[in-house]
Amino acid sequence: MMRSPDEVVTRFCALWSKPDPDEIASCFSEDAVYRNFPPTDPIEGRDAIRAFIAEFLARLDGIDFIVHRQVSGDGVVMHERTDVLRRKDGATLSVPIMGVFDVADGKIATWRDYFETAITSTFI
């Protein structure tokens, strides 16, 4: 049975706590697009997203996604969350984020995160 968009995103968020780029990337469609706002270039395609995730997680021991509110409809899932980034030296950083996901056929087709990049710039 195919997961609902809510279930897809909830599972995706849970996977970040144990850094496995392959498993996280498996949540995306082949032609998915990921984008961080403020402006960064979009990352296009599951393989490119996986490479980005692997590079990002190489510096961390994992990320705990704490979802405060989540709403969905018509294949779109939006949530307010706090990401707790865990560095390998034990330091942590909490980042408030607004995430928007388009889900189709049980896979994430687009993922957009909105957050203040200055919060993370000196941590990672």
PDB file of N, CA and C in Angstrom:
ATOM      1  N   MET A   1       0.829  -1.179   0.000  1.00  0.00           N
ATOM      2  CA  MET A   1       0.000   0.000   0.000  1.00  0.00           C
ATOM      3  C   MET A   1       0.883   1.255   0.000  1.00  0.00           C
ATOM      4  N   MET A   2       0.542   2.211  -0.858  1.00  0.00           N
ATOM      5  CA  MET A   2       1.324   3.434  -0.963  1.00  0.00           C
ATOM      6  C   MET A   2       1.077   4.332   0.252  1.00  0.00           C
ATOM      7  N   ARG A   3       2.152   4.927   0.740  1.00  0.00           N
ATOM      8  CA  ARG A   3       2.037   5.850   1.873  1.00  0.00           C
ATOM      9  C   ARG A   3       1.348   7.141   1.438  1.00  0.00           C
ATOM     10  N   SER A   4       0.640   7.757   2.375  1.00  0.00           N
ATOM     11  CA  SER A   4       0.037   9.069   2.127  1.00  0.00           C
ATOM     12  C   SER A   4       1.156  10.116   2.092  1.00  0.00           C
ATOM     13  N   PRO A   5       0.905  11.295   1.508  1.00  0.00           N
ATOM     14  CA  PRO A   5       1.925  12.347   1.546  1.00  0.00           C
ATOM     15  C   PRO A   5       2.406  12.655   2.967  1.00  0.00           C
ATOM     16  N   ASP A   6       1.480  12.715   3.934  1.00  0.00           N
ATOM     17  CA  ASP A   6       1.881  12.937   5.333  1.00  0.00           C
ATOM     18  C   ASP A   6       2.850  11.857   5.808  1.00  0.00           C
ATOM     19  N   GLU A   7       2.542  10.608   5.505  1.00  0.00           N
ATOM     20  CA  GLU A   7       3.394   9.494   5.938  1.00  0.00           C
ATOM     21  C   GLU A   7       4.760   9.547   5.262  1.00  0.00           C
ATOM     22  N   VAL A   8       4.794   9.914   3.983  1.00  0.00           N
ATOM     23  CA  VAL A   8       6.063  10.021   3.256  1.00  0.00           C
ATOM     24  C   VAL A   8       6.966  11.052   3.931  1.00  0.00           C
ATOM     25  N   VAL A   9       6.411  12.225   4.220  1.00  0.00           N
ATOM     26  CA  VAL A   9       7.204  13.300   4.817  1.00  0.00           C
ATOM     27  C   VAL A   9       7.594  12.966   6.259  1.00  0.00           C
ATOM     28  N   THR A  10       6.694  12.372   7.013  1.00  0.00           N
ATOM     29  CA  THR A  10       7.010  11.989   8.392  1.00  0.00           C
ATOM     30  C   THR A  10       8.155  10.977   8.417  1.00  0.00           C
ATOM     31  N   ARG A  11       8.107   9.987   7.538  1.00  0.00           N
ATOM     32  CA  ARG A  11       9.189   8.995   7.449  1.00  0.00           C
ATOM     33  C   ARG A  11      10.502   9.667   7.042  1.00  0.00           C
ATOM     34  N   PHE A  12      10.440  10.531   6.038  1.00  0.00           N
ATOM     35  CA  PHE A  12      11.609  11.258   5.558  1.00  0.00           C
ATOM     36  C   PHE A  12      12.280  12.018   6.707  1.00  0.00           C
ATOM     37  N   CYS A  13      11.489  12.726   7.480  1.00  0.00           N
ATOM     38  CA  CYS A  13      12.033  13.502   8.599  1.00  0.00           C
ATOM     39  C   CYS A  13      12.696  12.597   9.636  1.00  0.00           C
ATOM     40  N   ALA A  14      12.099  11.462   9.909  1.00  0.00           N
ATOM     41  CA  ALA A  14      12.650  10.532  10.901  1.00  0.00           C
ATOM     42  C   ALA A  14      13.993   9.952  10.456  1.00  0.00           C
ATOM     43  N   LEU A  15      14.182   9.778   9.151  1.00  0.00           N
ATOM     44  CA  LEU A  15      15.407   9.159   8.645  1.00  0.00           C
ATOM     45  C   LEU A  15      16.664   9.994   8.885  1.00  0.00           C
ATOM     46  N   TRP A  16      16.518  11.287   9.061  1.00  0.00           N
ATOM     47  CA  TRP A  16      17.682  12.148   9.247  1.00  0.00           C
ATOM     48  C   TRP A  16      18.394  11.909  10.581  1.00  0.00           C
ATOM     49  N   SER A  17      17.742  11.286  11.536  1.00  0.00           N
ATOM     50  CA  SER A  17      18.374  11.083  12.847  1.00  0.00           C
ATOM     51  C   SER A  17      19.534  10.098  12.779  1.00  0.00           C
ATOM     52  N   LYS A  18      19.507   9.207  11.809  1.00  0.00           N
ATOM     53  CA  LYS A  18      20.637   8.295  11.590  1.00  0.00           C
ATOM     54  C   LYS A  18      21.139   8.560  10.172  1.00  0.00           C
ATOM     55  N   PRO A  19      22.315   9.110  10.044  1.00  0.00           N
ATOM     56  CA  PRO A  19      22.776   9.607   8.751  1.00  0.00           C
ATOM     57  C   PRO A  19      23.051   8.515   7.712  1.00  0.00           C
ATOM     58  N   ASP A  20      22.036   8.185   6.917  1.00  0.00           N
ATOM     59  CA  ASP A  20      22.175   7.233   5.815  1.00  0.00           C
ATOM     60  C   ASP A  20      21.669   7.908   4.543  1.00  0.00           C
ATOM     61  N   PRO A  21      22.575   8.545   3.783  1.00  0.00           N
ATOM     62  CA  PRO A  21      22.160   9.291   2.593  1.00  0.00           C
ATOM     63  C   PRO A  21      21.366   8.463   1.585  1.00  0.00           C
ATOM     64  N   ASP A  22      21.698   7.184   1.439  1.00  0.00           N
ATOM     65  CA  ASP A  22      20.964   6.346   0.484  1.00  0.00           C
ATOM     66  C   ASP A  22      19.507   6.185   0.898  1.00  0.00           C
ATOM     67  N   GLU A  23      19.287   5.921   2.170  1.00  0.00           N
ATOM     68  CA  GLU A  23      17.920   5.729   2.645  1.00  0.00           C
ATOM     69  C   GLU A  23      17.126   7.033   2.572  1.00  0.00           C
ATOM     70  N   ILE A  24      17.750   8.138   2.943  1.00  0.00           N
ATOM     71  CA  ILE A  24      17.066   9.433   2.861  1.00  0.00           C
ATOM     72  C   ILE A  24      16.728   9.745   1.405  1.00  0.00           C
ATOM     73  N   ALA A  25      17.680   9.564   0.506  1.00  0.00           N
ATOM     74  CA  ALA A  25      17.463   9.870  -0.915  1.00  0.00           C
ATOM     75  C   ALA A  25      16.397   8.982  -1.543  1.00  0.00           C
ATOM     76  N   SER A  26      16.179   7.800  -0.982  1.00  0.00           N
ATOM     77  CA  SER A  26      15.162   6.900  -1.542  1.00  0.00           C
ATOM     78  C   SER A  26      13.754   7.477  -1.419  1.00  0.00           C
ATOM     79  N   CYS A  27      13.583   8.510  -0.621  1.00  0.00           N
ATOM     80  CA  CYS A  27      12.267   9.152  -0.460  1.00  0.00           C
ATOM     81  C   CYS A  27      11.916  10.051  -1.645  1.00  0.00           C
ATOM     82  N   PHE A  28      12.886  10.342  -2.506  1.00  0.00           N
ATOM     83  CA  PHE A  28      12.687  11.279  -3.610  1.00  0.00           C
ATOM     84  C   PHE A  28      12.393  10.570  -4.931  1.00  0.00           C
ATOM     85  N   SER A  29      11.638  11.244  -5.786  1.00  0.00           N
ATOM     86  CA  SER A  29      11.446  10.765  -7.155  1.00  0.00           C
ATOM     87  C   SER A  29      12.750  10.993  -7.925  1.00  0.00           C
ATOM     88  N   GLU A  30      12.895  10.319  -9.054  1.00  0.00           N
ATOM     89  CA  GLU A  30      14.115  10.438  -9.868  1.00  0.00           C
ATOM     90  C   GLU A  30      14.405  11.883 -10.261  1.00  0.00           C
ATOM     91  N   ASP A  31      13.359  12.645 -10.575  1.00  0.00           N
ATOM     92  CA  ASP A  31      13.532  14.015 -11.070  1.00  0.00           C
ATOM     93  C   ASP A  31      13.196  15.071 -10.016  1.00  0.00           C
ATOM     94  N   ALA A  32      13.331  14.716  -8.758  1.00  0.00           N
ATOM     95  CA  ALA A  32      12.990  15.623  -7.654  1.00  0.00           C
ATOM     96  C   ALA A  32      13.867  16.873  -7.669  1.00  0.00           C
ATOM     97  N   VAL A  33      13.362  17.907  -7.014  1.00  0.00           N
ATOM     98  CA  VAL A  33      14.095  19.165  -6.880  1.00  0.00           C
ATOM     99  C   VAL A  33      14.093  19.567  -5.406  1.00  0.00           C
ATOM    100  N   TYR A  34      15.271  19.951  -4.899  1.00  0.00           N
ATOM    101  CA  TYR A  34      15.408  20.430  -3.518  1.00  0.00           C
ATOM    102  C   TYR A  34      15.949  21.849  -3.560  1.00  0.00           C
ATOM    103  N   ARG A  35      15.397  22.688  -2.700  1.00  0.00           N
ATOM    104  CA  ARG A  35      15.850  24.073  -2.665  1.00  0.00           C
ATOM    105  C   ARG A  35      15.782  24.627  -1.253  1.00  0.00           C
ATOM    106  N   ASN A  36      16.853  25.289  -0.843  1.00  0.00           N
ATOM    107  CA  ASN A  36      16.884  26.048   0.412  1.00  0.00           C
ATOM    108  C   ASN A  36      16.646  27.515   0.087  1.00  0.00           C
ATOM    109  N   PHE A  37      15.872  28.167   0.902  1.00  0.00           N
ATOM    110  CA  PHE A  37      15.672  29.613   0.769  1.00  0.00           C
ATOM    111  C   PHE A  37      16.136  30.247   2.063  1.00  0.00           C
ATOM    112  N   PRO A  38      16.785  31.368   2.089  1.00  0.00           N
ATOM    113  CA  PRO A  38      17.086  32.283   1.008  1.00  0.00           C
ATOM    114  C   PRO A  38      17.911  31.628  -0.089  1.00  0.00           C
ATOM    115  N   PRO A  39      18.145  32.444  -1.096  1.00  0.00           N
ATOM    116  CA  PRO A  39      18.543  31.922  -2.400  1.00  0.00           C
ATOM    117  C   PRO A  39      19.741  30.982  -2.405  1.00  0.00           C
ATOM    118  N   THR A  40      19.481  29.820  -2.889  1.00  0.00           N
ATOM    119  CA  THR A  40      20.521  28.881  -3.301  1.00  0.00           C
ATOM    120  C   THR A  40      20.028  28.291  -4.609  1.00  0.00           C
ATOM    121  N   ASP A  41      20.924  27.774  -5.383  1.00  0.00           N
ATOM    122  CA  ASP A  41      20.506  27.130  -6.619  1.00  0.00           C
ATOM    123  C   ASP A  41      19.772  25.839  -6.295  1.00  0.00           C
ATOM    124  N   PRO A  42      18.760  25.504  -7.083  1.00  0.00           N
ATOM    125  CA  PRO A  42      18.062  24.239  -6.846  1.00  0.00           C
ATOM    126  C   PRO A  42      18.983  23.055  -7.125  1.00  0.00           C
ATOM    127  N   ILE A  43      18.759  21.992  -6.390  1.00  0.00           N
ATOM    128  CA  ILE A  43      19.479  20.738  -6.615  1.00  0.00           C
ATOM    129  C   ILE A  43      18.491  19.824  -7.313  1.00  0.00           C
ATOM    130  N   GLU A  44      18.828  19.378  -8.504  1.00  0.00           N
ATOM    131  CA  GLU A  44      17.883  18.658  -9.344  1.00  0.00           C
ATOM    132  C   GLU A  44      18.287  17.204  -9.537  1.00  0.00           C
ATOM    133  N   GLY A  45      17.337  16.314  -9.291  1.00  0.00           N
ATOM    134  CA  GLY A  45      17.540  14.887  -9.484  1.00  0.00           C
ATOM    135  C   GLY A  45      17.913  14.176  -8.196  1.00  0.00           C
ATOM    136  N   ARG A  46      17.405  12.942  -8.052  1.00  0.00           N
ATOM    137  CA  ARG A  46      17.657  12.165  -6.831  1.00  0.00           C
ATOM    138  C   ARG A  46      19.146  11.974  -6.569  1.00  0.00           C
ATOM    139  N   ASP A  47      19.924  11.690  -7.606  1.00  0.00           N
ATOM    140  CA  ASP A  47      21.355  11.447  -7.397  1.00  0.00           C
ATOM    141  C   ASP A  47      22.070  12.694  -6.879  1.00  0.00           C
ATOM    142  N   ALA A  48      21.729  13.855  -7.426  1.00  0.00           N
ATOM    143  CA  ALA A  48      22.345  15.105  -6.970  1.00  0.00           C
ATOM    144  C   ALA A  48      21.908  15.431  -5.543  1.00  0.00           C
ATOM    145  N   ILE A  49      20.648  15.166  -5.231  1.00  0.00           N
ATOM    146  CA  ILE A  49      20.157  15.393  -3.871  1.00  0.00           C
ATOM    147  C   ILE A  49      20.873  14.460  -2.903  1.00  0.00           C
ATOM    148  N   ARG A  50      21.056  13.209  -3.296  1.00  0.00           N
ATOM    149  CA  ARG A  50      21.767  12.249  -2.449  1.00  0.00           C
ATOM    150  C   ARG A  50      23.198  12.715  -2.181  1.00  0.00           C
ATOM    151  N   ALA A  51      23.879  13.211  -3.232  1.00  0.00           N
ATOM    152  CA  ALA A  51      25.250  13.702  -3.071  1.00  0.00           C
ATOM    153  C   ALA A  51      25.293  14.893  -2.111  1.00  0.00           C
ATOM    154  N   PHE A  52      24.333  15.799  -2.233  1.00  0.00           N
ATOM    155  CA  PHE A  52      24.255  16.944  -1.319  1.00  0.00           C
ATOM    156  C   PHE A  52      24.053  16.467   0.117  1.00  0.00           C
ATOM    157  N   ILE A  53      23.122  15.543   0.306  1.00  0.00           N
ATOM    158  CA  ILE A  53      22.834  15.014   1.643  1.00  0.00           C
ATOM    159  C   ILE A  53      24.083  14.350   2.233  1.00  0.00           C
ATOM    160  N   ALA A  54      24.778  13.547   1.424  1.00  0.00           N
ATOM    161  CA  ALA A  54      25.979  12.855   1.902  1.00  0.00           C
ATOM    162  C   ALA A  54      27.051  13.851   2.332  1.00  0.00           C
ATOM    163  N   GLU A  55      27.261  14.887   1.528  1.00  0.00           N
ATOM    164  CA  GLU A  55      28.272  15.892   1.864  1.00  0.00           C
ATOM    165  C   GLU A  55      27.884  16.651   3.134  1.00  0.00           C
ATOM    166  N   PHE A  56      26.616  17.005   3.244  1.00  0.00           N
ATOM    167  CA  PHE A  56      26.131  17.741   4.414  1.00  0.00           C
ATOM    168  C   PHE A  56      26.247  16.884   5.675  1.00  0.00           C
ATOM    169  N   LEU A  57      25.820  15.640   5.600  1.00  0.00           N
ATOM    170  CA  LEU A  57      25.830  14.766   6.773  1.00  0.00           C
ATOM    171  C   LEU A  57      27.222  14.289   7.159  1.00  0.00           C
ATOM    172  N   ALA A  58      28.194  14.371   6.259  1.00  0.00           N
ATOM    173  CA  ALA A  58      29.559  13.947   6.579  1.00  0.00           C
ATOM    174  C   ALA A  58      30.121  14.750   7.748  1.00  0.00           C
ATOM    175  N   ARG A  59      29.607  15.945   7.932  1.00  0.00           N
ATOM    176  CA  ARG A  59      30.080  16.818   9.007  1.00  0.00           C
ATOM    177  C   ARG A  59      29.270  16.670  10.286  1.00  0.00           C
ATOM    178  N   LEU A  60      28.216  15.857  10.228  1.00  0.00           N
ATOM    179  CA  LEU A  60      27.292  15.766  11.359  1.00  0.00           C
ATOM    180  C   LEU A  60      27.119  14.328  11.821  1.00  0.00           C
ATOM    181  N   ASP A  61      26.578  14.193  13.025  1.00  0.00           N
ATOM    182  CA  ASP A  61      26.235  12.885  13.572  1.00  0.00           C
ATOM    183  C   ASP A  61      24.756  12.584  13.348  1.00  0.00           C
ATOM    184  N   GLY A  62      24.065  13.493  12.693  1.00  0.00           N
ATOM    185  CA  GLY A  62      22.645  13.332  12.412  1.00  0.00           C
ATOM    186  C   GLY A  62      21.897  14.613  12.694  1.00  0.00           C
ATOM    187  N   ILE A  63      20.636  14.616  12.310  1.00  0.00           N
ATOM    188  CA  ILE A  63      19.762  15.766  12.548  1.00  0.00           C
ATOM    189  C   ILE A  63      18.435  15.239  13.061  1.00  0.00           C
ATOM    190  N   ASP A  64      17.970  15.814  14.140  1.00  0.00           N
ATOM    191  CA  ASP A  64      16.646  15.473  14.652  1.00  0.00           C
ATOM    192  C   ASP A  64      15.661  16.514  14.144  1.00  0.00           C
ATOM    193  N   PHE A  65      14.687  16.076  13.343  1.00  0.00           N
ATOM    194  CA  PHE A  65      13.628  16.960  12.855  1.00  0.00           C
ATOM    195  C   PHE A  65      12.495  16.907  13.877  1.00  0.00           C
ATOM    196  N   ILE A  66      12.240  18.007  14.540  1.00  0.00           N
ATOM    197  CA  ILE A  66      11.141  18.084  15.504  1.00  0.00           C
ATOM    198  C   ILE A  66      10.020  18.871  14.840  1.00  0.00           C
ATOM    199  N   VAL A  67       8.985  18.169  14.408  1.00  0.00           N
ATOM    200  CA  VAL A  67       7.874  18.798  13.696  1.00  0.00           C
ATOM    201  C   VAL A  67       6.859  19.297  14.720  1.00  0.00           C
ATOM    202  N   HIS A  68       6.576  20.582  14.664  1.00  0.00           N
ATOM    203  CA  HIS A  68       5.635  21.200  15.600  1.00  0.00           C
ATOM    204  C   HIS A  68       4.206  21.182  15.059  1.00  0.00           C
ATOM    205  N   ARG A  69       4.050  21.483  13.781  1.00  0.00           N
ATOM    206  CA  ARG A  69       2.742  21.476  13.121  1.00  0.00           C
ATOM    207  C   ARG A  69       2.940  21.000  11.698  1.00  0.00           C
ATOM    208  N   GLN A  70       2.009  20.189  11.225  1.00  0.00           N
ATOM    209  CA  GLN A  70       2.080  19.706   9.845  1.00  0.00           C
ATOM    210  C   GLN A  70       0.676  19.675   9.269  1.00  0.00           C
ATOM    211  N   VAL A  71       0.533  20.223   8.064  1.00  0.00           N
ATOM    212  CA  VAL A  71      -0.752  20.213   7.367  1.00  0.00           C
ATOM    213  C   VAL A  71      -0.513  19.707   5.954  1.00  0.00           C
ATOM    214  N   SER A  72      -1.557  19.124   5.366  1.00  0.00           N
ATOM    215  CA  SER A  72      -1.402  18.628   4.002  1.00  0.00           C
ATOM    216  C   SER A  72      -2.730  18.660   3.267  1.00  0.00           C
ATOM    217  N   GLY A  73      -2.629  18.674   1.964  1.00  0.00           N
ATOM    218  CA  GLY A  73      -3.782  18.607   1.089  1.00  0.00           C
ATOM    219  C   GLY A  73      -3.323  18.626  -0.354  1.00  0.00           C
ATOM    220  N   ASP A  74      -3.992  17.860  -1.198  1.00  0.00           N
ATOM    221  CA  ASP A  74      -3.689  17.821  -2.632  1.00  0.00           C
ATOM    222  C   ASP A  74      -2.220  17.516  -2.923  1.00  0.00           C
ATOM    223  N   GLY A  75      -1.619  16.631  -2.144  1.00  0.00           N
ATOM    224  CA  GLY A  75      -0.243  16.222  -2.396  1.00  0.00           C
ATOM    225  C   GLY A  75       0.814  17.178  -1.873  1.00  0.00           C
ATOM    226  N   VAL A  76       0.391  18.246  -1.206  1.00  0.00           N
ATOM    227  CA  VAL A  76       1.334  19.213  -0.635  1.00  0.00           C
ATOM    228  C   VAL A  76       1.349  19.037   0.881  1.00  0.00           C
ATOM    229  N   VAL A  77       2.542  18.960   1.448  1.00  0.00           N
ATOM    230  CA  VAL A  77       2.712  18.858   2.899  1.00  0.00           C
ATOM    231  C   VAL A  77       3.546  20.060   3.335  1.00  0.00           C
ATOM    232  N   MET A  78       3.044  20.773   4.332  1.00  0.00           N
ATOM    233  CA  MET A  78       3.767  21.924   4.881  1.00  0.00           C
ATOM    234  C   MET A  78       3.914  21.726   6.381  1.00  0.00           C
ATOM    235  N   HIS A  79       5.096  22.049   6.870  1.00  0.00           N
ATOM    236  CA  HIS A  79       5.247  21.962   8.321  1.00  0.00           C
ATOM    237  C   HIS A  79       6.213  23.009   8.856  1.00  0.00           C
ATOM    238  N   GLU A  80       6.011  23.272  10.142  1.00  0.00           N
ATOM    239  CA  GLU A  80       6.914  24.103  10.924  1.00  0.00           C
ATOM    240  C   GLU A  80       7.688  23.140  11.811  1.00  0.00           C
ATOM    241  N   ARG A  81       9.015  23.264  11.785  1.00  0.00           N
ATOM    242  CA  ARG A  81       9.811  22.325  12.565  1.00  0.00           C
ATOM    243  C   ARG A  81      11.061  23.012  13.094  1.00  0.00           C
ATOM    244  N   THR A  82      11.713  22.325  14.010  1.00  0.00           N
ATOM    245  CA  THR A  82      13.035  22.712  14.480  1.00  0.00           C
ATOM    246  C   THR A  82      13.970  21.566  14.143  1.00  0.00           C
ATOM    247  N   ASP A  83      15.029  21.866  13.422  1.00  0.00           N
ATOM    248  CA  ASP A  83      16.060  20.868  13.152  1.00  0.00           C
ATOM    249  C   ASP A  83      17.146  21.019  14.208  1.00  0.00           C
ATOM    250  N   VAL A  84      17.465  19.934  14.879  1.00  0.00           N
ATOM    251  CA  VAL A  84      18.554  19.943  15.853  1.00  0.00           C
ATOM    252  C   VAL A  84      19.733  19.230  15.196  1.00  0.00           C
ATOM    253  N   LEU A  85      20.700  20.025  14.756  1.00  0.00           N
ATOM    254  CA  LEU A  85      21.892  19.495  14.104  1.00  0.00           C
ATOM    255  C   LEU A  85      22.866  19.025  15.173  1.00  0.00           C
ATOM    256  N   ARG A  86      23.356  17.790  15.018  1.00  0.00           N
ATOM    257  CA  ARG A  86      24.288  17.209  15.989  1.00  0.00           C
ATOM    258  C   ARG A  86      25.649  17.018  15.327  1.00  0.00           C
ATOM    259  N   ARG A  87      26.615  17.810  15.757  1.00  0.00           N
ATOM    260  CA  ARG A  87      27.972  17.643  15.239  1.00  0.00           C
ATOM    261  C   ARG A  87      28.627  16.435  15.884  1.00  0.00           C
ATOM    262  N   LYS A  88      29.662  15.931  15.239  1.00  0.00           N
ATOM    263  CA  LYS A  88      30.369  14.754  15.747  1.00  0.00           C
ATOM    264  C   LYS A  88      31.083  15.027  17.071  1.00  0.00           C
ATOM    265  N   ASP A  89      31.364  16.300  17.365  1.00  0.00           N
ATOM    266  CA  ASP A  89      32.011  16.636  18.639  1.00  0.00           C
ATOM    267  C   ASP A  89      31.007  16.797  19.778  1.00  0.00           C
ATOM    268  N   GLY A  90      29.724  16.541  19.504  1.00  0.00           N
ATOM    269  CA  GLY A  90      28.692  16.611  20.528  1.00  0.00           C
ATOM    270  C   GLY A  90      27.937  17.928  20.587  1.00  0.00           C
ATOM    271  N   ALA A  91      28.431  18.952  19.920  1.00  0.00           N
ATOM    272  CA  ALA A  91      27.735  20.241  19.904  1.00  0.00           C
ATOM    273  C   ALA A  91      26.436  20.113  19.107  1.00  0.00           C
ATOM    274  N   THR A  92      25.428  20.886  19.514  1.00  0.00           N
ATOM    275  CA  THR A  92      24.145  20.885  18.808  1.00  0.00           C
ATOM    276  C   THR A  92      23.740  22.316  18.473  1.00  0.00           C
ATOM    277  N   LEU A  93      22.890  22.429  17.472  1.00  0.00           N
ATOM    278  CA  LEU A  93      22.341  23.718  17.074  1.00  0.00           C
ATOM    279  C   LEU A  93      20.902  23.506  16.651  1.00  0.00           C
ATOM    280  N   SER A  94      19.994  24.318  17.192  1.00  0.00           N
ATOM    281  CA  SER A  94      18.576  24.243  16.832  1.00  0.00           C
ATOM    282  C   SER A  94      18.258  25.320  15.804  1.00  0.00           C
ATOM    283  N   VAL A  95      17.616  24.904  14.706  1.00  0.00           N
ATOM    284  CA  VAL A  95      17.304  25.811  13.605  1.00  0.00           C
ATOM    285  C   VAL A  95      15.807  25.754  13.311  1.00  0.00           C
ATOM    286  N   PRO A  96      15.088  26.877  13.466  1.00  0.00           N
ATOM    287  CA  PRO A  96      13.668  26.893  13.098  1.00  0.00           C
ATOM    288  C   PRO A  96      13.525  26.920  11.576  1.00  0.00           C
ATOM    289  N   ILE A  97      12.633  26.069  11.056  1.00  0.00           N
ATOM    290  CA  ILE A  97      12.492  25.896   9.603  1.00  0.00           C
ATOM    291  C   ILE A  97      11.022  25.762   9.240  1.00  0.00           C
ATOM    292  N   MET A  98      10.695  26.276   8.061  1.00  0.00           N
ATOM    293  CA  MET A  98       9.395  26.033   7.432  1.00  0.00           C
ATOM    294  C   MET A  98       9.671  25.175   6.207  1.00  0.00           C
ATOM    295  N   GLY A  99       9.065  23.996   6.135  1.00  0.00           N
ATOM    296  CA  GLY A  99       9.291  23.083   5.020  1.00  0.00           C
ATOM    297  C   GLY A  99       8.034  22.896   4.192  1.00  0.00           C
ATOM    298  N   VAL A 100       8.218  22.823   2.876  1.00  0.00           N
ATOM    299  CA  VAL A 100       7.112  22.586   1.949  1.00  0.00           C
ATOM    300  C   VAL A 100       7.523  21.448   1.017  1.00  0.00           C
ATOM    301  N   PHE A 101       6.659  20.449   0.898  1.00  0.00           N
ATOM    302  CA  PHE A 101       6.938  19.265   0.091  1.00  0.00           C
ATOM    303  C   PHE A 101       5.787  19.028  -0.882  1.00  0.00           C
ATOM    304  N   ASP A 102       6.123  18.709  -2.116  1.00  0.00           N
ATOM    305  CA  ASP A 102       5.143  18.203  -3.071  1.00  0.00           C
ATOM    306  C   ASP A 102       5.411  16.709  -3.198  1.00  0.00           C
ATOM    307  N   VAL A 103       4.388  15.905  -2.969  1.00  0.00           N
ATOM    308  CA  VAL A 103       4.533  14.448  -2.981  1.00  0.00           C
ATOM    309  C   VAL A 103       3.652  13.878  -4.084  1.00  0.00           C
ATOM    310  N   ALA A 104       4.232  13.005  -4.903  1.00  0.00           N
ATOM    311  CA  ALA A 104       3.484  12.350  -5.980  1.00  0.00           C
ATOM    312  C   ALA A 104       3.898  10.887  -6.048  1.00  0.00           C
ATOM    313  N   ASP A 105       2.936  10.015  -6.178  1.00  0.00           N
ATOM    314  CA  ASP A 105       3.196   8.576  -6.303  1.00  0.00           C
ATOM    315  C   ASP A 105       4.076   8.044  -5.173  1.00  0.00           C
ATOM    316  N   GLY A 106       3.864   8.552  -3.967  1.00  0.00           N
ATOM    317  CA  GLY A 106       4.589   8.052  -2.807  1.00  0.00           C
ATOM    318  C   GLY A 106       6.020   8.532  -2.673  1.00  0.00           C
ATOM    319  N   LYS A 107       6.423   9.518  -3.477  1.00  0.00           N
ATOM    320  CA  LYS A 107       7.788  10.048  -3.431  1.00  0.00           C
ATOM    321  C   LYS A 107       7.751  11.569  -3.345  1.00  0.00           C
ATOM    322  N   ILE A 108       8.789  12.147  -2.769  1.00  0.00           N
ATOM    323  CA  ILE A 108       8.911  13.600  -2.707  1.00  0.00           C
ATOM    324  C   ILE A 108       9.375  14.092  -4.074  1.00  0.00           C
ATOM    325  N   ALA A 109       8.571  14.975  -4.680  1.00  0.00           N
ATOM    326  CA  ALA A 109       8.904  15.540  -5.991  1.00  0.00           C
ATOM    327  C   ALA A 109       9.631  16.877  -5.846  1.00  0.00           C
ATOM    328  N   THR A 110       9.214  17.678  -4.879  1.00  0.00           N
ATOM    329  CA  THR A 110       9.931  18.916  -4.571  1.00  0.00           C
ATOM    330  C   THR A 110       9.971  19.104  -3.061  1.00  0.00           C
ATOM    331  N   TRP A 111      11.075  19.675  -2.607  1.00  0.00           N
ATOM    332  CA  TRP A 111      11.260  19.980  -1.186  1.00  0.00           C
ATOM    333  C   TRP A 111      11.874  21.369  -1.110  1.00  0.00           C
ATOM    334  N   ARG A 112      11.209  22.250  -0.378  1.00  0.00           N
ATOM    335  CA  ARG A 112      11.697  23.607  -0.177  1.00  0.00           C
ATOM    336  C   ARG A 112      11.748  23.886   1.321  1.00  0.00           C
ATOM    337  N   ASP A 113      12.891  24.353   1.786  1.00  0.00           N
ATOM    338  CA  ASP A 113      13.055  24.739   3.187  1.00  0.00           C
ATOM    339  C   ASP A 113      13.346  26.231   3.259  1.00  0.00           C
ATOM    340  N   TYR A 114      12.696  26.888   4.210  1.00  0.00           N
ATOM    341  CA  TYR A 114      12.859  28.323   4.426  1.00  0.00           C
ATOM    342  C   TYR A 114      13.403  28.524   5.840  1.00  0.00           C
ATOM    343  N   PHE A 115      14.573  29.171   5.934  1.00  0.00           N
ATOM    344  CA  PHE A 115      15.183  29.409   7.244  1.00  0.00           C
ATOM    345  C   PHE A 115      16.225  30.506   7.130  1.00  0.00           C
ATOM    346  N   GLU A 116      16.673  30.985   8.256  1.00  0.00           N
ATOM    347  CA  GLU A 116      17.689  32.032   8.309  1.00  0.00           C
ATOM    348  C   GLU A 116      19.062  31.367   8.240  1.00  0.00           C
ATOM    349  N   THR A 117      19.741  31.506   7.105  1.00  0.00           N
ATOM    350  CA  THR A 117      21.017  30.818   6.904  1.00  0.00           C
ATOM    351  C   THR A 117      22.122  31.302   7.842  1.00  0.00           C
ATOM    352  N   ALA A 118      22.016  32.511   8.352  1.00  0.00           N
ATOM    353  CA  ALA A 118      23.047  33.016   9.269  1.00  0.00           C
ATOM    354  C   ALA A 118      23.147  32.155  10.524  1.00  0.00           C
ATOM    355  N   ILE A 119      22.057  31.498  10.888  1.00  0.00           N
ATOM    356  CA  ILE A 119      22.063  30.648  12.085  1.00  0.00           C
ATOM    357  C   ILE A 119      23.051  29.497  11.927  1.00  0.00           C
ATOM    358  N   THR A 120      23.115  28.915  10.744  1.00  0.00           N
ATOM    359  CA  THR A 120      23.946  27.725  10.533  1.00  0.00           C
ATOM    360  C   THR A 120      25.341  28.028  10.000  1.00  0.00           C
ATOM    361  N   SER A 121      25.585  29.229   9.521  1.00  0.00           N
ATOM    362  CA  SER A 121      26.826  29.516   8.797  1.00  0.00           C
ATOM    363  C   SER A 121      28.095  29.262   9.605  1.00  0.00           C
ATOM    364  N   THR A 122      28.081  29.489  10.888  1.00  0.00           N
ATOM    365  CA  THR A 122      29.297  29.280  11.684  1.00  0.00           C
ATOM    366  C   THR A 122      29.337  27.917  12.365  1.00  0.00           C
ATOM    367  N   PHE A 123      28.236  27.183  12.314  1.00  0.00           N
ATOM    368  CA  PHE A 123      28.156  25.912  13.033  1.00  0.00           C
ATOM    369  C   PHE A 123      28.734  24.756  12.230  1.00  0.00           C
ATOM    370  N   ILE A 124      28.480  24.760  10.950  1.00  0.00           N
ATOM    371  CA  ILE A 124      28.864  23.595  10.136  1.00  0.00           C
ATOM    372  C   ILE A 124      30.225  23.792   9.509  1.00  0.00           C
TER     373      ILE A 124
END
